[in-house]
Protein backbone atom coordinates (compact mmCIF):
# COMPACT_ATOMS: atom_id res chain seq x y z
CA MET A 1 0.00 0.00 0.00
CA THR A 2 1.35 3.44 -0.94
CA VAL A 3 1.56 5.89 1.94
CA GLN A 4 -0.39 9.10 1.38
CA TYR A 5 0.97 12.03 3.38
CA SER A 6 -1.29 14.72 4.80
CA ASN A 7 -1.47 18.22 3.34
CA ASP A 8 0.26 19.62 6.42
CA VAL A 9 3.16 17.22 5.96
CA LEU A 10 3.48 18.04 2.25
CA ASP A 11 3.32 21.81 2.80
CA SER A 12 5.80 21.83 5.68
CA LEU A 13 8.32 19.27 4.44
CA ILE A 14 8.25 19.62 0.61
CA ALA A 15 7.24 23.20 -0.27
CA PRO A 16 4.70 25.89 0.59
CA SER A 17 1.18 25.20 -0.70
CA VAL A 18 2.29 22.08 -2.54
CA SER A 19 -0.93 20.41 -1.39
CA LEU A 20 -2.78 22.93 -3.59
CA PHE A 21 -0.51 22.33 -6.58
CA GLU A 22 -2.78 20.49 -8.99
CA SER A 23 -1.65 21.33 -12.52
CA ALA A 24 1.00 23.17 -14.50
CA GLU A 25 0.36 24.27 -18.07
CA ILE A 26 3.98 24.72 -19.07
CA PRO A 27 4.46 25.45 -22.77
CA ASP A 28 6.48 22.79 -24.57
CA MET A 29 9.30 24.79 -26.11
CA SER A 30 11.44 21.83 -27.12
CA ASN A 31 10.65 22.30 -30.82
CA TYR A 32 10.14 26.07 -30.87
CA ALA A 33 13.67 26.95 -32.00
CA LYS A 34 14.82 24.21 -34.34
CA GLU A 35 18.48 25.15 -33.97
CA SER A 36 18.50 25.61 -30.17
CA ALA A 37 20.42 22.38 -29.56
CA HIS A 38 22.97 23.38 -32.21
CA TRP A 39 23.61 27.07 -31.54
CA MET A 40 27.10 26.45 -30.16
CA SER A 41 28.06 24.12 -33.01
CA ASN A 42 26.60 26.50 -35.58
CA TYR A 43 28.51 29.40 -34.07
CA PHE A 44 31.78 27.47 -34.21
CA LEU A 45 31.35 26.42 -37.83
CA ASN A 46 30.08 29.82 -38.99
CA SER A 47 33.00 31.54 -37.23
CA LEU A 48 35.42 29.11 -38.83
CA LEU A 49 34.04 29.18 -42.37
CA ARG A 50 32.13 32.46 -42.84
CA ALA A 51 33.01 35.34 -40.52
CA LYS A 52 34.15 36.05 -36.97
CA TYR A 53 33.23 38.66 -34.39
CA GLN A 54 36.01 40.85 -33.07
CA PHE A 55 36.89 40.58 -29.38
CA PRO A 56 35.17 41.24 -26.99
CA MET A 57 31.98 40.64 -29.00
CA SER A 58 33.24 37.15 -29.80
CA ALA A 59 33.31 36.33 -26.08
CA TYR A 60 29.93 37.93 -25.42
CA ALA A 61 28.35 36.00 -28.31
CA TYR A 62 29.94 32.68 -27.33
CA ASN A 63 28.76 32.89 -23.74
CA PHE A 64 25.33 34.23 -24.66
CA LEU A 65 24.78 31.31 -27.03
CA ARG A 66 25.99 28.83 -24.41
CA ARG A 67 23.53 30.25 -21.88
CA ALA A 68 20.64 30.44 -24.35
CA GLN A 69 21.15 26.87 -25.55
CA PHE A 70 21.03 25.47 -22.05
CA ALA A 71 18.14 27.71 -21.01
CA PHE A 72 16.13 25.78 -23.60
CA SER A 73 17.30 22.34 -22.44
CA GLU A 74 16.85 23.14 -18.74
CA HIS A 75 13.34 24.47 -19.38
CA GLU A 76 12.44 21.14 -20.94
CA HIS A 77 13.98 19.21 -18.03
CA ALA A 78 12.02 21.40 -15.62
CA ARG A 79 8.79 20.90 -17.53
CA GLN A 80 9.21 17.13 -17.52
CA ALA A 81 10.18 16.94 -13.84
CA THR A 82 7.23 19.11 -12.85
CA ALA A 83 4.85 16.88 -14.79
CA GLU A 84 6.45 13.81 -13.20
CA PHE A 85 5.93 15.22 -9.71
CA LEU A 86 2.25 15.89 -10.37
CA SER A 87 1.77 12.48 -11.97
CA LYS A 88 3.15 10.78 -8.84
CA GLY A 89 0.46 12.34 -6.68
CA LYS A 90 2.65 15.11 -5.24
CA GLN A 91 4.14 12.66 -2.78
CA SER A 92 7.79 12.67 -3.84
CA PRO A 93 10.16 15.21 -2.23
CA ALA A 94 12.98 13.92 -4.47
CA ILE A 95 11.12 14.64 -7.70
CA TYR A 96 10.03 18.07 -6.45
CA ALA A 97 13.66 18.87 -5.60
CA LYS A 98 14.66 17.75 -9.11
CA ALA A 99 12.04 20.03 -10.66
CA LEU A 100 13.22 23.01 -8.57
CA PHE A 101 16.82 22.27 -9.55
CA HIS A 102 16.04 22.40 -13.25
CA TRP A 103 13.92 25.52 -12.83
CA GLU A 104 16.81 27.19 -11.01
CA CYS A 105 19.18 26.15 -13.81
CA PHE A 106 16.78 27.53 -16.42
CA LEU A 107 16.45 30.84 -14.56
CA GLY A 108 20.20 31.16 -14.17
CA GLN A 109 20.99 30.39 -17.79
CA ALA A 110 18.26 32.71 -19.04
CA TRP A 111 19.22 35.59 -16.76
CA HIS A 112 22.93 35.39 -17.57
CA ALA A 113 22.09 35.26 -21.27
CA TYR A 114 20.25 38.58 -20.91
CA ALA A 115 23.06 40.01 -18.79
CA LEU A 116 25.63 39.20 -21.47
CA LEU A 117 23.56 40.88 -24.17
CA VAL A 118 22.91 44.09 -22.28
CA THR A 119 26.56 44.32 -21.20
CA ALA A 120 27.75 43.82 -24.77
CA TRP A 121 25.36 46.49 -26.02
CA GLU A 122 25.83 48.83 -23.04
CA ALA A 123 22.15 48.69 -22.23
CA SER A 124 20.07 47.59 -19.24
CA ALA A 125 17.74 44.64 -18.90
CA PHE A 126 15.24 46.48 -16.69
CA LYS A 127 14.71 49.43 -14.39
CA LYS A 128 14.61 48.87 -10.65
CA ASN A 129 11.33 47.26 -9.58
CA ASP A 130 9.70 47.94 -12.95
CA GLY A 131 7.74 44.67 -12.85
CA SER A 132 8.99 43.56 -16.25
CA ILE A 133 9.54 39.90 -17.04
CA GLU A 134 13.30 40.50 -17.01
CA GLN A 135 13.15 42.13 -13.58
CA ARG A 136 11.09 39.29 -12.12
CA LEU A 137 13.32 36.69 -13.80
CA ASN A 138 16.31 38.29 -12.07
CA SER A 139 14.47 38.47 -8.75
CA ILE A 140 13.24 34.87 -8.72
CA TYR A 141 16.65 33.57 -9.83
CA ASN A 142 18.51 35.52 -7.13
CA GLN A 143 16.09 34.31 -4.48
CA MET A 144 16.78 30.69 -5.44
CA LYS A 145 20.53 31.31 -5.74
CA HIS A 146 20.89 33.14 -2.42
CA VAL A 147 18.62 30.92 -0.35
CA GLU A 148 20.86 31.30 2.73
CA SER A 149 20.37 35.07 2.90
CA ARG A 150 16.63 34.73 2.30
CA ILE A 151 16.42 32.38 5.29
CA GLU A 152 18.68 34.56 7.45
CA ASN A 153 16.71 37.74 6.69
CA GLY A 154 13.29 36.17 7.17
CA GLN A 155 12.40 36.52 3.49
CA ILE A 156 10.63 33.18 3.23
CA LEU A 157 7.33 32.02 4.65
CA ALA A 158 7.36 30.91 8.28
CA ASN A 159 8.32 27.24 8.58
CA ALA A 160 8.85 27.01 4.80
CA THR A 161 11.48 24.85 3.15
CA VAL A 162 12.31 27.02 0.13
CA PRO A 163 12.07 30.71 -0.84
CA VAL A 164 10.66 29.91 -4.30
CA TRP A 165 8.04 27.28 -5.00
CA LEU A 166 5.80 26.00 -7.78
CA ASP A 167 2.09 26.63 -8.01
CA ASN A 168 -0.59 26.15 -10.64
CA SER A 169 0.36 29.31 -12.52
CA GLY A 170 4.14 29.43 -12.23
CA LEU A 171 7.06 30.12 -9.91
CA ARG A 172 6.29 32.11 -6.78
CA SER A 173 8.02 33.70 -3.79
CA ILE A 174 6.73 36.01 -1.08
CA ASP A 175 7.36 39.06 -3.26
CA SER A 176 7.61 37.92 -6.89
CA THR A 177 6.04 35.65 -9.49
CA LEU A 178 6.92 34.35 -12.94
CA SER A 179 4.25 32.49 -14.87
CA TYR A 180 4.91 29.40 -16.95
CA GLU A 181 3.85 31.31 -20.06
CA GLU A 182 6.36 34.02 -19.20
CA THR A 183 9.14 31.42 -19.03
CA ALA A 184 8.20 30.49 -22.60
CA GLU A 185 8.21 34.16 -23.59
CA ILE A 186 11.74 34.44 -22.24
CA LEU A 187 12.83 31.56 -24.46
CA ARG A 188 11.16 33.08 -27.52
CA ASP A 189 13.07 36.29 -26.89
CA LEU A 190 16.40 34.53 -26.39
CA ALA A 191 15.87 32.44 -29.52
CA LYS A 192 15.44 35.57 -31.62
CA TYR A 193 18.91 36.77 -30.63
CA ALA A 194 20.53 33.33 -30.63
CA ASP A 195 19.39 32.50 -34.15
CA ALA A 196 20.92 35.78 -35.32
CA LEU A 197 24.14 35.76 -33.32
CA SER A 198 25.02 32.17 -34.17
CA ASP A 199 26.09 33.37 -37.63
CA PRO A 200 28.43 36.38 -37.44
CA PHE A 201 28.21 36.83 -41.22
CA THR A 202 24.48 37.64 -41.20
CA ALA A 203 23.95 38.69 -37.57
CA LYS A 204 23.67 42.44 -38.15
CA ASP A 205 21.13 42.09 -40.95
CA LYS A 206 19.02 39.63 -38.95
CA LEU A 207 19.06 41.84 -35.86
CA ASP A 208 18.17 44.91 -37.90
CA GLU A 209 15.31 42.99 -39.51
CA SER A 210 14.13 41.86 -36.11
CA ASP A 211 14.09 45.43 -34.83
CA GLU A 212 12.05 46.55 -37.82
CA ASP A 213 9.51 43.78 -37.22
CA ALA A 214 9.12 44.95 -33.63
CA ILE A 215 8.15 48.47 -34.68
């Protein structure tokens, strides 16, 4: 007979409100960008055979593409682990921890991808507390990364296990949220730049075209 733990046990020992976590409509982005698994290889070959960026843009592009590629793969791992947790009746702390790990990896890769772009282009990803997706991505990621300071400063729920948890709509903390659809929007945005930057020979034209389409 499988043991079924009480809601109080689940909420106190796995994550806040996990007993209310019933579904997660996480967009499947695994096939959105057909070249996402090959951005690094494409960049290498295009730099070898077609054209190369000058330093430091070459370093910015390399590391952006590395981050963007693994943001896609970690998002898929997180989506699958989240679905696995729900399918097992929300009773597995190990699977929940695996899902949180992959979400944290996704957030980190995505945020550092943005940070590389805005540094290369001497821009900013967001204004302080502007509520943008980029600002909340940075906030949620830092809360997961710096869990020790969140605990020390009382910035998690009383008797909670983690500062960031999963709910039916997305990732949540006491002062920030990021929906599952917004995680997909982040990937769409990163893919636009990654597809362009992976070929130094055509990058400028593709980025200019992208800017025109956004007008």
